[in-house]
Amino acid sequence: MAAMTQGRPLLNRRLAEFGTTIFAEMSALAVRTGSINLGQGFPDTDGPEEIREAAVRALRDGHGNQYPPGPGIPELRTAIADHQQRRYGLAHDPDTEVLVTAGATEAIAASLLALLEPGDEVIAFEPFYDSYAACIAMAGGRRVPLTLRAPDFRPDLDALRDAITPRTRLLLLNSPHNPTGMVLTREELTTIAELAVEHDLLVVTDEVYEHLVFEGEHIPLISLPGMRDRTVSISSAGKTFSYTGWKVGWVTASAPLVAAVRTAKQYLTYVSAGPFQYAVAEALRLPDSYFDGFRADLRHRRDLLGEGLRAAGFNVYQPQGTYFITTDITPFGEKDAYAFCRALPERCGVVAVPNSVFYDDPDAGRSQVRFTFCKKEDVLREAAGRLRRLAP
């Protein structure tokens, strides 16, 4: 107990810089002002009706109402393994190489807690999703940002090579990338894989937007030579099936890596989302037509909001994937995205998120603002109309 108590001040100092997440802050602002919330990435409609009915059926049949198995129900682990085989030609043993988690966020936290030692360096693309920094801090690691810069947000692989030191333990990658929408190419992934092998690095990949690639293709890093035993692949059901509240995620990796992550995960939630696991198992077996239609629909919404943002005067960086658009506010004569987003609800009744909060160096994203387009068409049209009030 004494050791635990002595460690708390250090952990508190590490986490003190984070405070309330930007998503909680901006969502509360949306509620308080009655604004359209294009800040936080959750859909305003539910996903496929047959998947919701699968959850209801599981509840009624008593499937998952009590503790499910710690690694996840066998039906879901098998469905995940089958999905990886069908989509990417990846073979995983559902009993030893698949782990179900409480969303991708827990999978990332458990992976970093399991694989890092205090003082280890973690290289991650900047801007990064806010939980990355917090999870690295909780694991005692040191984050080393690799900055992605407008307009195309491609990674500088020479800078990545230079950033690797004897203290580097792990690469934390996100493709399709939130918030920029960048999708790594096969050539970029190949270079990253070669660096990981050369320097004996572990890699954790956040692939939650794998089914939302509008230009290019999603290639799991684990599929490349030398990466099978050093990569932890993470995805989830929330973004793909539009049931973000169910919080069903998963890890696929070699058996030793999954065992390590499971050891940490069991002390976070142990288990979660029992009945929803059965529903997600069915969702992963939907035909390709579902995934193709889902992607086409979001591409249309991306283009709809992008057109509206351009008409309002924003400089728009077209995303290759995800359901976010990054913009620049300098055409309005403004440079502080945080102040811009705080004032935006009063100015036109729309909420967005400043990208500067996703950078270690806020100046790198000082004038960037992120909008989500995973909303109904009429909501996007209304938001675009309101934003036109800003037009110079």
Protein backbone atom coordinates (compact mmCIF):
# COMPACT_ATOMS: atom_id res chain seq x y z
CA MET A 1 0.00 0.00 0.00
CA ALA A 2 2.86 2.36 0.79
CA ALA A 3 4.36 1.86 -2.68
CA MET A 4 0.98 2.46 -4.27
CA THR A 5 0.48 5.65 -2.25
CA GLN A 6 3.96 6.92 -3.12
CA GLY A 7 3.24 6.39 -6.82
CA ARG A 8 0.02 8.41 -6.82
CA PRO A 9 1.56 11.91 -6.84
CA LEU A 10 3.63 11.03 -9.91
CA LEU A 11 0.59 9.60 -11.72
CA ASN A 12 -1.49 12.61 -10.71
CA ARG A 13 1.16 14.96 -12.09
CA ARG A 14 1.24 13.03 -15.35
CA LEU A 15 -2.54 13.21 -15.75
CA ALA A 16 -3.07 16.73 -14.42
CA GLU A 17 -2.23 18.26 -17.79
CA PHE A 18 -5.14 16.50 -19.47
CA GLY A 19 -8.14 17.61 -17.39
CA THR A 20 -11.57 17.30 -19.03
CA THR A 21 -11.49 15.98 -22.58
CA ILE A 22 -12.20 18.41 -25.39
CA PHE A 23 -15.11 16.19 -26.46
CA ALA A 24 -16.83 16.50 -23.09
CA GLU A 25 -16.24 20.24 -23.06
CA MET A 26 -17.57 20.88 -26.55
CA SER A 27 -20.50 18.48 -26.24
CA ALA A 28 -21.55 20.26 -23.04
CA LEU A 29 -21.27 23.55 -24.92
CA ALA A 30 -23.51 22.17 -27.66
CA VAL A 31 -26.16 21.18 -25.11
CA ARG A 32 -25.96 24.49 -23.27
CA THR A 33 -26.35 26.57 -26.44
CA GLY A 34 -28.68 24.26 -28.36
CA SER A 35 -26.14 24.09 -31.18
CA ILE A 36 -25.60 21.42 -33.83
CA ASN A 37 -22.79 19.23 -32.53
CA LEU A 38 -20.28 18.53 -35.29
CA GLY A 39 -17.52 18.19 -32.72
CA GLN A 40 -17.80 14.72 -31.23
CA GLY A 41 -17.75 11.76 -33.61
CA PHE A 42 -20.93 9.86 -32.92
CA PRO A 43 -23.74 9.26 -35.44
CA ASP A 44 -27.19 10.70 -34.86
CA THR A 45 -28.89 7.56 -36.24
CA ASP A 46 -28.57 3.92 -35.23
CA GLY A 47 -26.95 1.28 -37.38
CA PRO A 48 -28.59 -1.73 -39.08
CA GLU A 49 -31.93 -2.74 -37.61
CA GLU A 50 -31.08 -6.44 -37.77
CA ILE A 51 -28.06 -5.85 -35.54
CA ARG A 52 -30.13 -3.98 -32.97
CA GLU A 53 -32.62 -6.84 -33.03
CA ALA A 54 -29.76 -9.28 -32.52
CA ALA A 55 -28.91 -7.43 -29.29
CA VAL A 56 -32.54 -7.50 -28.17
CA ARG A 57 -32.71 -11.22 -28.93
CA ALA A 58 -29.56 -11.85 -26.90
CA LEU A 59 -31.03 -9.95 -23.95
CA ARG A 60 -34.29 -11.87 -24.09
CA ASP A 61 -32.55 -15.23 -24.49
CA GLY A 62 -30.28 -14.57 -21.54
CA HIS A 63 -27.10 -14.44 -23.63
CA GLY A 64 -24.53 -12.18 -22.03
CA ASN A 65 -26.69 -10.92 -19.19
CA GLN A 66 -24.19 -12.39 -16.75
CA TYR A 67 -20.41 -12.18 -16.96
CA PRO A 68 -19.21 -13.31 -20.38
CA PRO A 69 -15.79 -14.99 -20.64
CA GLY A 70 -12.90 -12.63 -19.92
CA PRO A 71 -11.42 -12.81 -23.45
CA GLY A 72 -14.88 -12.32 -25.04
CA ILE A 73 -17.57 -14.77 -26.09
CA PRO A 74 -16.36 -17.50 -28.48
CA GLU A 75 -18.90 -16.47 -31.13
CA LEU A 76 -17.47 -12.96 -31.35
CA ARG A 77 -13.83 -14.03 -31.23
CA THR A 78 -14.51 -16.44 -34.09
CA ALA A 79 -16.34 -13.74 -36.06
CA ILE A 80 -13.40 -11.35 -35.59
CA ALA A 81 -10.93 -13.99 -36.78
CA ASP A 82 -13.14 -14.76 -39.77
CA HIS A 83 -13.41 -11.05 -40.60
CA GLN A 84 -9.62 -10.66 -40.58
CA GLN A 85 -9.25 -13.71 -42.82
CA ARG A 86 -11.97 -12.67 -45.25
CA ARG A 87 -10.96 -9.01 -45.57
CA TYR A 88 -7.18 -9.19 -45.31
CA GLY A 89 -6.09 -12.82 -45.55
CA LEU A 90 -4.92 -12.79 -41.93
CA ALA A 91 -5.15 -16.03 -39.96
CA HIS A 92 -5.76 -15.71 -36.21
CA ASP A 93 -6.59 -18.38 -33.66
CA PRO A 94 -9.80 -17.09 -32.01
CA ASP A 95 -8.86 -18.80 -28.73
CA THR A 96 -5.37 -17.34 -28.30
CA GLU A 97 -4.96 -14.45 -30.75
CA VAL A 98 -8.18 -12.46 -30.33
CA LEU A 99 -9.26 -10.41 -27.31
CA VAL A 100 -12.54 -8.51 -26.91
CA THR A 101 -12.34 -5.16 -25.10
CA ALA A 102 -14.54 -2.31 -23.93
CA GLY A 103 -14.11 -0.39 -27.15
CA ALA A 104 -10.85 0.49 -28.87
CA THR A 105 -9.98 2.97 -26.14
CA GLU A 106 -9.62 0.20 -23.57
CA ALA A 107 -7.69 -1.90 -26.07
CA ILE A 108 -5.20 0.94 -26.52
CA ALA A 109 -4.91 1.51 -22.77
CA ALA A 110 -4.42 -2.18 -22.01
CA SER A 111 -1.87 -2.56 -24.79
CA LEU A 112 0.25 0.35 -23.61
CA LEU A 113 0.01 -0.67 -19.94
CA ALA A 114 1.05 -4.19 -20.87
CA LEU A 115 3.88 -3.42 -23.27
CA LEU A 116 5.58 -0.32 -21.83
CA GLU A 117 8.02 0.11 -18.98
CA PRO A 118 8.55 3.46 -17.24
CA GLY A 119 10.74 5.67 -19.39
CA ASP A 120 10.04 3.88 -22.68
CA GLU A 121 9.55 6.18 -25.64
CA VAL A 122 6.45 5.91 -27.83
CA ILE A 123 6.40 7.54 -31.26
CA ALA A 124 2.92 8.59 -32.39
CA PHE A 125 1.55 10.67 -35.26
CA GLU A 126 0.67 14.19 -34.17
CA PRO A 127 -2.14 15.33 -34.06
CA PHE A 128 -3.22 12.34 -32.03
CA TYR A 129 -6.49 11.22 -30.47
CA ASP A 130 -6.46 12.59 -26.94
CA SER A 131 -6.52 9.23 -25.11
CA TYR A 132 -3.14 8.29 -26.62
CA ALA A 133 -1.26 10.86 -24.59
CA ALA A 134 -3.13 9.96 -21.40
CA CYS A 135 -2.56 6.21 -21.83
CA ILE A 136 1.14 6.66 -22.54
CA ALA A 137 1.41 8.79 -19.39
CA MET A 138 -0.44 6.21 -17.28
CA ALA A 139 1.95 3.54 -18.51
CA GLY A 140 4.93 5.69 -17.50
CA GLY A 141 6.05 6.17 -21.08
CA ARG A 142 7.29 9.24 -22.88
CA ARG A 143 5.50 10.29 -26.04
CA VAL A 144 7.51 11.43 -29.03
CA PRO A 145 5.33 13.13 -31.64
CA LEU A 146 5.84 12.81 -35.38
CA THR A 147 4.02 15.83 -36.75
CA LEU A 148 1.71 15.48 -39.75
CA ARG A 149 1.46 18.80 -41.58
CA ALA A 150 -1.17 20.33 -43.84
CA PRO A 151 -2.23 20.18 -46.55
CA ASP A 152 -1.80 16.42 -47.11
CA PHE A 153 -0.68 15.31 -43.61
CA ARG A 154 1.74 12.66 -44.98
CA PRO A 155 4.21 11.28 -42.43
CA ASP A 156 7.84 12.34 -42.84
CA LEU A 157 9.49 8.92 -42.74
CA ASP A 158 12.99 10.38 -42.59
CA ALA A 159 11.90 12.25 -39.47
CA LEU A 160 10.49 8.99 -38.11
CA ARG A 161 13.82 7.28 -38.67
CA ASP A 162 15.62 10.13 -36.89
CA ALA A 163 13.17 10.01 -33.97
CA ILE A 164 14.03 6.42 -33.07
CA THR A 165 16.46 6.17 -30.16
CA PRO A 166 17.69 3.33 -27.92
CA ARG A 167 14.79 4.26 -25.60
CA THR A 168 12.16 3.80 -28.31
CA ARG A 169 9.98 0.82 -27.45
CA LEU A 170 6.82 1.22 -29.49
CA LEU A 171 5.17 2.93 -32.45
CA LEU A 172 1.52 3.93 -31.97
CA LEU A 173 -0.09 4.30 -35.40
CA ASN A 174 -3.57 5.36 -36.46
CA SER A 175 -4.70 4.81 -40.05
CA PRO A 176 -7.17 5.94 -41.26
CA HIS A 177 -6.01 8.81 -39.10
CA ASN A 178 -8.16 10.83 -36.72
CA PRO A 179 -8.36 13.83 -36.96
CA THR A 180 -6.70 14.45 -40.35
CA GLY A 181 -8.29 11.65 -42.41
CA MET A 182 -4.88 10.59 -43.80
CA VAL A 183 -4.62 6.94 -44.93
CA LEU A 184 -1.17 5.34 -44.98
CA THR A 185 -0.07 3.98 -48.35
CA ARG A 186 1.49 0.57 -48.89
CA GLU A 187 4.84 2.26 -49.52
CA GLU A 188 4.66 4.20 -46.26
CA LEU A 189 3.60 1.12 -44.33
CA THR A 190 6.44 -0.89 -45.86
CA THR A 191 9.00 1.66 -44.69
CA ILE A 192 7.46 1.74 -41.21
CA ALA A 193 7.56 -2.05 -41.05
CA GLU A 194 11.20 -2.11 -42.11
CA LEU A 195 12.09 0.41 -39.39
CA ALA A 196 10.20 -1.62 -36.78
CA VAL A 197 12.06 -4.77 -37.73
CA GLU A 198 15.44 -3.01 -37.94
CA HIS A 199 15.07 -1.49 -34.47
CA ASP A 200 13.10 -4.37 -32.91
CA LEU A 201 10.10 -2.19 -32.10
CA LEU A 202 6.59 -3.14 -31.10
CA VAL A 203 3.72 -1.47 -32.97
CA VAL A 204 0.17 -0.79 -31.80
CA THR A 205 -2.20 0.09 -34.65
CA ASP A 206 -5.55 1.82 -34.16
CA GLU A 207 -7.66 0.78 -37.16
CA VAL A 208 -11.18 1.68 -36.02
CA TYR A 209 -11.91 3.48 -39.30
CA GLU A 210 -10.77 0.53 -41.43
CA HIS A 211 -14.10 0.41 -43.30
CA LEU A 212 -14.17 4.15 -43.95
CA VAL A 213 -11.48 4.63 -46.59
CA PHE A 214 -12.66 6.85 -49.44
CA GLU A 215 -9.39 7.12 -51.36
CA GLY A 216 -6.72 4.45 -51.26
CA GLU A 217 -7.08 1.21 -49.32
CA HIS A 218 -6.75 0.00 -45.76
CA ILE A 219 -3.75 -2.29 -45.33
CA PRO A 220 -3.19 -3.74 -41.84
CA LEU A 221 0.45 -3.29 -40.87
CA ILE A 222 0.42 -6.74 -39.29
CA SER A 223 0.07 -8.23 -42.79
CA LEU A 224 3.50 -6.99 -43.89
CA PRO A 225 6.73 -9.03 -43.64
CA GLY A 226 8.23 -9.19 -40.19
CA MET A 227 5.22 -7.65 -38.43
CA ARG A 228 3.18 -10.71 -37.38
CA ASP A 229 4.88 -11.11 -33.99
CA ARG A 230 5.43 -7.45 -33.15
CA THR A 231 2.08 -5.81 -34.00
CA VAL A 232 -1.06 -5.37 -31.90
CA SER A 233 -3.98 -4.54 -34.21
CA ILE A 234 -6.97 -2.77 -32.68
CA SER A 235 -10.44 -2.12 -34.09
CA SER A 236 -14.02 -1.84 -32.90
CA ALA A 237 -17.67 -2.10 -33.88
CA GLY A 238 -18.74 1.43 -32.96
CA LYS A 239 -17.59 3.31 -36.05
CA THR A 240 -18.36 0.53 -38.53
CA PHE A 241 -21.88 -0.27 -37.37
CA SER A 242 -22.96 3.08 -35.86
CA TYR A 243 -23.53 1.75 -32.35
CA THR A 244 -20.84 3.71 -30.56
CA GLY A 245 -22.52 3.33 -27.17
CA TRP A 246 -22.10 -0.43 -27.15
CA LYS A 247 -18.31 -0.12 -26.69
CA VAL A 248 -17.23 -3.41 -28.27
CA GLY A 249 -13.63 -3.41 -29.45
CA TRP A 250 -10.97 -6.02 -30.03
CA VAL A 251 -7.30 -6.84 -30.27
CA THR A 252 -5.76 -9.26 -32.78
CA ALA A 253 -2.11 -10.21 -32.42
CA SER A 254 0.21 -13.15 -31.84
CA ALA A 255 -0.63 -15.30 -28.80
CA PRO A 256 2.15 -13.89 -26.55
CA LEU A 257 1.12 -10.29 -27.26
CA VAL A 258 -2.58 -11.02 -26.72
CA ALA A 259 -1.73 -12.77 -23.43
CA ALA A 260 0.19 -9.69 -22.28
CA VAL A 261 -2.62 -7.31 -23.23
CA ARG A 262 -5.22 -9.57 -21.61
CA THR A 263 -3.26 -9.50 -18.33
CA ALA A 264 -3.60 -5.71 -18.19
CA LYS A 265 -7.15 -5.63 -19.58
CA GLN A 266 -8.56 -7.94 -16.90
CA TYR A 267 -7.81 -5.29 -14.27
CA LEU A 268 -9.51 -2.51 -16.23
CA THR A 269 -13.04 -3.75 -16.97
CA TYR A 270 -12.52 -7.54 -16.93
CA VAL A 271 -15.64 -7.93 -19.14
CA SER A 272 -18.26 -5.66 -20.72
CA ALA A 273 -21.13 -5.41 -23.21
CA GLY A 274 -22.23 -9.05 -22.83
CA PRO A 275 -25.39 -9.08 -25.01
CA PHE A 276 -23.85 -6.66 -27.50
CA GLN A 277 -21.00 -9.06 -28.14
CA TYR A 278 -23.51 -11.52 -29.64
CA ALA A 279 -24.93 -8.77 -31.85
CA VAL A 280 -21.51 -7.65 -33.07
CA ALA A 281 -20.66 -11.26 -33.91
CA GLU A 282 -23.61 -11.18 -36.32
CA ALA A 283 -22.69 -7.72 -37.60
CA LEU A 284 -19.22 -8.83 -38.65
CA ARG A 285 -20.82 -11.45 -40.87
CA LEU A 286 -22.89 -8.94 -42.84
CA PRO A 287 -22.32 -9.17 -46.62
CA ASP A 288 -19.84 -6.95 -48.41
CA SER A 289 -22.77 -4.92 -49.73
CA TYR A 290 -23.31 -3.49 -46.24
CA PHE A 291 -19.72 -2.28 -45.90
CA ASP A 292 -19.70 -0.90 -49.45
CA GLY A 293 -22.97 0.94 -48.92
CA PHE A 294 -21.87 2.31 -45.55
CA ARG A 295 -18.67 3.68 -47.07
CA ALA A 296 -20.49 5.21 -50.06
CA ASP A 297 -23.01 6.91 -47.78
CA LEU A 298 -20.29 8.47 -45.61
CA ARG A 299 -18.34 9.56 -48.69
CA HIS A 300 -21.47 11.40 -49.88
CA ARG A 301 -21.83 13.10 -46.49
CA ARG A 302 -18.14 14.03 -46.51
CA ASP A 303 -18.59 15.74 -49.85
CA LEU A 304 -21.79 17.45 -48.72
CA LEU A 305 -20.23 18.98 -45.62
CA GLY A 306 -16.98 19.76 -47.40
CA GLU A 307 -18.85 21.77 -50.02
CA GLY A 308 -20.70 23.64 -47.30
CA LEU A 309 -17.51 24.45 -45.42
CA ARG A 310 -15.83 25.75 -48.56
CA ALA A 311 -18.88 27.91 -49.31
CA ALA A 312 -18.64 29.32 -45.78
CA GLY A 313 -15.03 30.34 -46.39
CA PHE A 314 -13.01 27.62 -44.69
CA ASN A 315 -9.85 26.17 -46.20
CA VAL A 316 -10.85 22.47 -46.35
CA TYR A 317 -8.38 19.56 -46.28
CA GLN A 318 -10.14 16.68 -48.03
CA PRO A 319 -9.90 13.53 -45.84
CA GLN A 320 -9.09 10.17 -47.40
CA GLY A 321 -10.88 8.33 -44.59
CA THR A 322 -12.63 8.52 -41.16
CA TYR A 323 -15.66 10.75 -40.72
CA PHE A 324 -13.90 13.99 -39.91
CA ILE A 325 -12.88 17.00 -41.98
CA THR A 326 -10.00 19.22 -40.90
CA THR A 327 -10.27 22.88 -41.92
CA ASP A 328 -8.21 26.04 -41.53
CA ILE A 329 -9.69 29.30 -40.22
CA THR A 330 -7.08 31.75 -41.49
CA PRO A 331 -9.36 32.87 -44.38
CA PHE A 332 -11.51 34.48 -41.67
CA GLY A 333 -8.51 36.46 -40.40
CA GLU A 334 -8.35 34.25 -37.31
CA LYS A 335 -5.56 32.00 -36.03
CA ASP A 336 -6.69 30.65 -32.65
CA ALA A 337 -8.85 27.59 -33.30
CA TYR A 338 -9.68 27.09 -29.62
CA ALA A 339 -11.07 30.60 -29.25
CA PHE A 340 -12.83 30.23 -32.60
CA CYS A 341 -14.57 27.02 -31.46
CA ARG A 342 -15.55 28.51 -28.11
CA ALA A 343 -17.25 31.40 -29.91
CA LEU A 344 -18.72 29.43 -32.81
CA PRO A 345 -21.97 28.32 -31.06
CA GLU A 346 -22.89 31.92 -30.27
CA ARG A 347 -21.93 33.10 -33.74
CA CYS A 348 -23.84 30.52 -35.76
CA GLY A 349 -25.12 27.64 -33.60
CA VAL A 350 -22.54 25.00 -34.56
CA VAL A 351 -19.98 23.18 -32.41
CA ALA A 352 -16.61 21.95 -33.72
CA VAL A 353 -13.33 20.86 -32.12
CA PRO A 354 -9.99 22.72 -32.28
CA ASN A 355 -7.19 20.51 -33.59
CA SER A 356 -4.62 22.29 -31.44
CA VAL A 357 -5.64 20.11 -28.48
CA PHE A 358 -4.40 17.03 -30.38
CA TYR A 359 -0.83 18.37 -30.67
CA ASP A 360 2.05 18.46 -28.20
CA ASP A 361 3.05 21.59 -30.11
CA PRO A 362 -0.23 23.53 -30.28
CA ASP A 363 1.24 25.96 -32.81
CA ALA A 364 1.39 23.14 -35.38
CA GLY A 365 -2.41 23.02 -35.43
CA ARG A 366 -3.23 26.44 -34.05
CA SER A 367 -5.57 27.45 -36.88
CA GLN A 368 -7.13 24.02 -37.60
CA VAL A 369 -10.70 23.04 -36.75
CA ARG A 370 -12.26 19.57 -37.06
CA PHE A 371 -15.86 18.87 -38.07
CA THR A 372 -17.59 15.49 -38.21
CA PHE A 373 -19.90 14.47 -41.05
CA CYS A 374 -21.43 11.31 -39.49
CA LYS A 375 -24.77 13.09 -39.11
CA LYS A 376 -28.06 13.08 -41.02
CA GLU A 377 -28.02 14.88 -44.35
CA ASP A 378 -30.56 17.46 -43.22
CA VAL A 379 -28.45 18.19 -40.14
CA LEU A 380 -25.35 18.68 -42.29
CA ARG A 381 -27.25 20.95 -44.66
CA GLU A 382 -28.59 22.99 -41.74
CA ALA A 383 -25.10 23.24 -40.22
CA ALA A 384 -23.65 24.32 -43.57
CA GLY A 385 -26.32 27.00 -43.86
CA ARG A 386 -25.55 28.31 -40.39
CA LEU A 387 -21.81 28.32 -41.08
CA ARG A 388 -22.35 30.48 -44.16
CA ARG A 389 -23.10 33.31 -41.76
CA LEU A 390 -19.34 33.39 -41.21
CA ALA A 391 -18.55 33.95 -44.89
CA PRO A 392 -16.37 37.05 -45.37
